[in-house]
């Protein structure tokens, strides 16, 4: 009977080890160690009076092990309102949760608008990823008390992929 208990204990420990190993195997971003630039439309609001439809342009680098990507440069183009939005708290960090979703953390912006502007964030935006289209997308992301990314769709380079 003691042998059965030891055998059962070993089986349970092995199963728990496999579960922990599987959970530790996060999705990776490829190509590891590579630099990238990307852009796409973003719709942003601050309070009830400031709303801007812009183009977000990002540049960064995938970590050497593919575990994340740092977004080191962010610009907003598309007119006067967009030029008043400044990315802060860089680098923002992109992590792939799996081959269909991810999260960007440390998102912060400063809206330069007299009397209405202010700081937004830091916050984390959860979104979707699609290897086929190369798009990182999110909707209705709160990045502060009265700040929101209504929609964003960043088209990444063709070689940028998420794998498990």
C-alpha atoms as a PDB file:
ATOM      1  CA  UNK A   1       0.000   0.000   0.000  1.00  0.00           C
ATOM      2  CA  UNK A   2       2.862   2.373   0.760  1.00  0.00           C
ATOM      3  CA  UNK A   3       4.178   1.810  -2.783  1.00  0.00           C
ATOM      4  CA  UNK A   4       0.791   2.825  -4.219  1.00  0.00           C
ATOM      5  CA  UNK A   5       0.791   6.061  -2.199  1.00  0.00           C
ATOM      6  CA  UNK A   6       4.336   6.887  -3.370  1.00  0.00           C
ATOM      7  CA  UNK A   7       3.414   6.077  -6.975  1.00  0.00           C
ATOM      8  CA  UNK A   8       0.266   8.224  -6.779  1.00  0.00           C
ATOM      9  CA  UNK A   9       2.267  11.062  -5.220  1.00  0.00           C
ATOM     10  CA  UNK A  10       4.803  10.894  -8.049  1.00  0.00           C
ATOM     11  CA  UNK A  11       2.039  10.939 -10.665  1.00  0.00           C
ATOM     12  CA  UNK A  12       0.371  13.963  -9.028  1.00  0.00           C
ATOM     13  CA  UNK A  13       3.698  15.808  -8.813  1.00  0.00           C
ATOM     14  CA  UNK A  14       4.459  15.014 -12.464  1.00  0.00           C
ATOM     15  CA  UNK A  15       1.047  16.309 -13.577  1.00  0.00           C
ATOM     16  CA  UNK A  16       1.477  19.479 -11.510  1.00  0.00           C
ATOM     17  CA  UNK A  17       4.917  19.927 -13.041  1.00  0.00           C
ATOM     18  CA  UNK A  18       3.499  19.613 -16.566  1.00  0.00           C
ATOM     19  CA  UNK A  19       0.775  22.144 -15.762  1.00  0.00           C
ATOM     20  CA  UNK A  20       3.335  24.605 -14.368  1.00  0.00           C
ATOM     21  CA  UNK A  21       5.596  24.036 -17.398  1.00  0.00           C
ATOM     22  CA  UNK A  22       2.715  24.657 -19.813  1.00  0.00           C
ATOM     23  CA  UNK A  23       1.701  27.845 -17.991  1.00  0.00           C
ATOM     24  CA  UNK A  24       5.308  29.076 -18.071  1.00  0.00           C
ATOM     25  CA  UNK A  25       5.420  28.603 -21.849  1.00  0.00           C
ATOM     26  CA  UNK A  26       4.066  32.000 -22.854  1.00  0.00           C
ATOM     27  CA  UNK A  27       3.641  33.156 -26.390  1.00  0.00           C
ATOM     28  CA  UNK A  28       6.706  34.731 -28.009  1.00  0.00           C
ATOM     29  CA  UNK A  29       7.075  37.607 -30.418  1.00  0.00           C
ATOM     30  CA  UNK A  30       9.201  37.000 -33.508  1.00  0.00           C
ATOM     31  CA  UNK A  31      11.666  37.833 -34.877  1.00  0.00           C
ATOM     32  CA  UNK A  32      13.387  38.075 -31.491  1.00  0.00           C
ATOM     33  CA  UNK A  33      15.865  40.914 -31.146  1.00  0.00           C
ATOM     34  CA  UNK A  34      14.549  42.814 -34.165  1.00  0.00           C
ATOM     35  CA  UNK A  35      13.646  46.482 -34.444  1.00  0.00           C
ATOM     36  CA  UNK A  36      10.236  47.472 -35.837  1.00  0.00           C
ATOM     37  CA  UNK A  37       8.125  50.436 -36.862  1.00  0.00           C
ATOM     38  CA  UNK A  38       4.355  50.386 -37.255  1.00  0.00           C
ATOM     39  CA  UNK A  39       1.352  52.660 -37.503  1.00  0.00           C
ATOM     40  CA  UNK A  40      -2.412  52.803 -37.672  1.00  0.00           C
ATOM     41  CA  UNK A  41      -5.523  54.765 -36.767  1.00  0.00           C
ATOM     42  CA  UNK A  42      -6.335  55.653 -33.177  1.00  0.00           C
ATOM     43  CA  UNK A  43      -9.385  57.412 -31.776  1.00  0.00           C
ATOM     44  CA  UNK A  44      -8.789  59.001 -28.389  1.00  0.00           C
ATOM     45  CA  UNK A  45     -10.827  61.092 -25.936  1.00  0.00           C
ATOM     46  CA  UNK A  46     -10.080  63.122 -22.828  1.00  0.00           C
ATOM     47  CA  UNK A  47     -13.148  64.209 -20.943  1.00  0.00           C
ATOM     48  CA  UNK A  48     -16.326  65.143 -22.764  1.00  0.00           C
ATOM     49  CA  UNK A  49     -14.806  67.935 -24.863  1.00  0.00           C
ATOM     50  CA  UNK A  50     -11.583  66.553 -26.332  1.00  0.00           C
ATOM     51  CA  UNK A  51     -11.788  63.886 -29.016  1.00  0.00           C
ATOM     52  CA  UNK A  52      -9.163  63.188 -31.660  1.00  0.00           C
ATOM     53  CA  UNK A  53      -8.857  60.789 -34.570  1.00  0.00           C
ATOM     54  CA  UNK A  54      -5.146  60.390 -35.278  1.00  0.00           C
ATOM     55  CA  UNK A  55      -2.498  58.122 -36.720  1.00  0.00           C
ATOM     56  CA  UNK A  56      -0.286  56.526 -34.101  1.00  0.00           C
ATOM     57  CA  UNK A  57       3.272  55.748 -35.191  1.00  0.00           C
ATOM     58  CA  UNK A  58       5.405  53.489 -33.002  1.00  0.00           C
ATOM     59  CA  UNK A  59       8.985  52.230 -33.088  1.00  0.00           C
ATOM     60  CA  UNK A  60      10.668  49.719 -30.837  1.00  0.00           C
ATOM     61  CA  UNK A  61      12.493  46.464 -30.451  1.00  0.00           C
ATOM     62  CA  UNK A  62      11.534  42.868 -29.711  1.00  0.00           C
ATOM     63  CA  UNK A  63      13.372  41.424 -26.685  1.00  0.00           C
ATOM     64  CA  UNK A  64      16.220  39.017 -27.414  1.00  0.00           C
ATOM     65  CA  UNK A  65      14.134  36.105 -26.074  1.00  0.00           C
ATOM     66  CA  UNK A  66      10.892  37.235 -27.750  1.00  0.00           C
ATOM     67  CA  UNK A  67       9.111  37.563 -24.393  1.00  0.00           C
ATOM     68  CA  UNK A  68       8.076  41.170 -25.034  1.00  0.00           C
ATOM     69  CA  UNK A  69       8.591  44.193 -27.235  1.00  0.00           C
ATOM     70  CA  UNK A  70       9.491  47.648 -26.009  1.00  0.00           C
ATOM     71  CA  UNK A  71       7.852  50.600 -27.723  1.00  0.00           C
ATOM     72  CA  UNK A  72      10.492  53.313 -27.396  1.00  0.00           C
ATOM     73  CA  UNK A  73       9.018  55.997 -29.644  1.00  0.00           C
ATOM     74  CA  UNK A  74       5.380  57.059 -30.140  1.00  0.00           C
ATOM     75  CA  UNK A  75       4.058  59.907 -32.284  1.00  0.00           C
ATOM     76  CA  UNK A  76       0.535  61.095 -33.029  1.00  0.00           C
ATOM     77  CA  UNK A  77      -0.176  62.662 -36.434  1.00  0.00           C
ATOM     78  CA  UNK A  78      -3.359  64.064 -37.945  1.00  0.00           C
ATOM     79  CA  UNK A  79      -3.824  67.721 -37.225  1.00  0.00           C
ATOM     80  CA  UNK A  80      -3.767  70.171 -34.366  1.00  0.00           C
ATOM     81  CA  UNK A  81      -5.562  67.968 -31.816  1.00  0.00           C
ATOM     82  CA  UNK A  82      -3.234  65.044 -32.484  1.00  0.00           C
ATOM     83  CA  UNK A  83      -0.139  67.217 -32.194  1.00  0.00           C
ATOM     84  CA  UNK A  84      -1.247  68.090 -28.653  1.00  0.00           C
ATOM     85  CA  UNK A  85      -1.045  64.457 -27.490  1.00  0.00           C
ATOM     86  CA  UNK A  86       2.394  63.481 -26.193  1.00  0.00           C
ATOM     87  CA  UNK A  87       3.392  59.919 -25.294  1.00  0.00           C
ATOM     88  CA  UNK A  88       5.072  59.676 -21.880  1.00  0.00           C
ATOM     89  CA  UNK A  89       6.390  56.940 -19.590  1.00  0.00           C
ATOM     90  CA  UNK A  90       8.277  55.256 -22.455  1.00  0.00           C
ATOM     91  CA  UNK A  91       9.077  52.532 -23.151  1.00  0.00           C
ATOM     92  CA  UNK A  92       5.637  50.988 -23.273  1.00  0.00           C
ATOM     93  CA  UNK A  93       5.835  47.197 -23.030  1.00  0.00           C
ATOM     94  CA  UNK A  94       3.956  44.817 -25.339  1.00  0.00           C
ATOM     95  CA  UNK A  95       3.482  41.208 -24.200  1.00  0.00           C
ATOM     96  CA  UNK A  96       1.739  38.456 -26.173  1.00  0.00           C
ATOM     97  CA  UNK A  97      -0.601  36.454 -23.943  1.00  0.00           C
ATOM     98  CA  UNK A  98      -1.202  33.882 -26.683  1.00  0.00           C
ATOM     99  CA  UNK A  99      -1.384  33.887 -30.492  1.00  0.00           C
ATOM    100  CA  UNK A 100      -4.653  35.868 -30.433  1.00  0.00           C
ATOM    101  CA  UNK A 101      -4.230  38.420 -27.628  1.00  0.00           C
ATOM    102  CA  UNK A 102      -1.779  40.637 -25.871  1.00  0.00           C
ATOM    103  CA  UNK A 103      -1.369  43.613 -23.583  1.00  0.00           C
ATOM    104  CA  UNK A 104       0.567  46.851 -23.721  1.00  0.00           C
ATOM    105  CA  UNK A 105       1.524  48.249 -20.334  1.00  0.00           C
ATOM    106  CA  UNK A 106       2.799  51.612 -19.067  1.00  0.00           C
ATOM    107  CA  UNK A 107       0.633  53.550 -21.573  1.00  0.00           C
ATOM    108  CA  UNK A 108       0.671  57.220 -20.620  1.00  0.00           C
ATOM    109  CA  UNK A 109      -0.016  60.399 -22.544  1.00  0.00           C
ATOM    110  CA  UNK A 110      -0.068  64.070 -21.724  1.00  0.00           C
ATOM    111  CA  UNK A 111      -2.750  66.091 -23.498  1.00  0.00           C
ATOM    112  CA  UNK A 112      -1.601  69.689 -23.941  1.00  0.00           C
ATOM    113  CA  UNK A 113      -4.865  71.652 -24.050  1.00  0.00           C
ATOM    114  CA  UNK A 114      -5.292  74.728 -21.887  1.00  0.00           C
ATOM    115  CA  UNK A 115      -7.828  74.106 -19.145  1.00  0.00           C
ATOM    116  CA  UNK A 116      -8.962  70.746 -20.534  1.00  0.00           C
ATOM    117  CA  UNK A 117      -5.787  68.716 -20.913  1.00  0.00           C
ATOM    118  CA  UNK A 118      -3.736  66.756 -18.470  1.00  0.00           C
ATOM    119  CA  UNK A 119      -2.094  63.437 -17.889  1.00  0.00           C
ATOM    120  CA  UNK A 120      -3.616  60.069 -18.724  1.00  0.00           C
ATOM    121  CA  UNK A 121      -2.209  56.819 -17.382  1.00  0.00           C
ATOM    122  CA  UNK A 122      -0.173  54.844 -16.782  1.00  0.00           C
ATOM    123  CA  UNK A 123      -2.447  52.011 -17.779  1.00  0.00           C
ATOM    124  CA  UNK A 124      -2.470  48.637 -19.505  1.00  0.00           C
ATOM    125  CA  UNK A 125      -4.449  48.023 -22.686  1.00  0.00           C
ATOM    126  CA  UNK A 126      -5.600  44.480 -23.432  1.00  0.00           C
ATOM    127  CA  UNK A 127      -6.196  43.797 -27.081  1.00  0.00           C
ATOM    128  CA  UNK A 128      -6.312  41.275 -29.887  1.00  0.00           C
ATOM    129  CA  UNK A 129      -3.606  40.124 -32.243  1.00  0.00           C
ATOM    130  CA  UNK A 130      -4.016  38.587 -35.693  1.00  0.00           C
ATOM    131  CA  UNK A 131      -0.985  36.959 -37.376  1.00  0.00           C
ATOM    132  CA  UNK A 132      -2.813  36.888 -40.722  1.00  0.00           C
ATOM    133  CA  UNK A 133      -3.454  40.638 -40.884  1.00  0.00           C
ATOM    134  CA  UNK A 134      -0.564  41.749 -38.678  1.00  0.00           C
ATOM    135  CA  UNK A 135      -2.871  43.986 -36.644  1.00  0.00           C
ATOM    136  CA  UNK A 136      -2.787  44.752 -32.958  1.00  0.00           C
ATOM    137  CA  UNK A 137      -6.226  46.111 -32.017  1.00  0.00           C
ATOM    138  CA  UNK A 138      -8.121  47.319 -28.952  1.00  0.00           C
ATOM    139  CA  UNK A 139     -11.398  49.104 -28.208  1.00  0.00           C
ATOM    140  CA  UNK A 140     -12.802  51.034 -25.249  1.00  0.00           C
ATOM    141  CA  UNK A 141      -9.598  51.106 -23.200  1.00  0.00           C
ATOM    142  CA  UNK A 142      -9.610  53.398 -20.185  1.00  0.00           C
ATOM    143  CA  UNK A 143      -6.171  54.953 -19.693  1.00  0.00           C
ATOM    144  CA  UNK A 144      -7.047  57.243 -16.832  1.00  0.00           C
ATOM    145  CA  UNK A 145      -9.884  58.824 -14.936  1.00  0.00           C
ATOM    146  CA  UNK A 146     -11.373  60.599 -17.970  1.00  0.00           C
ATOM    147  CA  UNK A 147      -9.163  59.298 -20.799  1.00  0.00           C
ATOM    148  CA  UNK A 148     -10.083  56.601 -23.275  1.00  0.00           C
ATOM    149  CA  UNK A 149      -8.705  54.933 -26.369  1.00  0.00           C
ATOM    150  CA  UNK A 150     -11.945  54.402 -28.282  1.00  0.00           C
ATOM    151  CA  UNK A 151     -10.290  52.291 -30.985  1.00  0.00           C
ATOM    152  CA  UNK A 152      -6.766  51.550 -32.165  1.00  0.00           C
ATOM    153  CA  UNK A 153      -5.512  49.310 -34.973  1.00  0.00           C
ATOM    154  CA  UNK A 154      -1.738  49.193 -35.408  1.00  0.00           C
ATOM    155  CA  UNK A 155      -0.473  47.402 -38.522  1.00  0.00           C
ATOM    156  CA  UNK A 156       2.791  45.704 -37.622  1.00  0.00           C
ATOM    157  CA  UNK A 157       5.505  44.739 -40.164  1.00  0.00           C
ATOM    158  CA  UNK A 158       4.904  41.541 -42.210  1.00  0.00           C
ATOM    159  CA  UNK A 159       7.626  39.580 -40.372  1.00  0.00           C
ATOM    160  CA  UNK A 160       6.208  40.429 -36.903  1.00  0.00           C
ATOM    161  CA  UNK A 161       4.488  37.274 -35.615  1.00  0.00           C
ATOM    162  CA  UNK A 162       3.321  35.737 -32.344  1.00  0.00           C
ATOM    163  CA  UNK A 163       4.074  32.042 -31.796  1.00  0.00           C
ATOM    164  CA  UNK A 164       3.622  29.597 -28.924  1.00  0.00           C
END
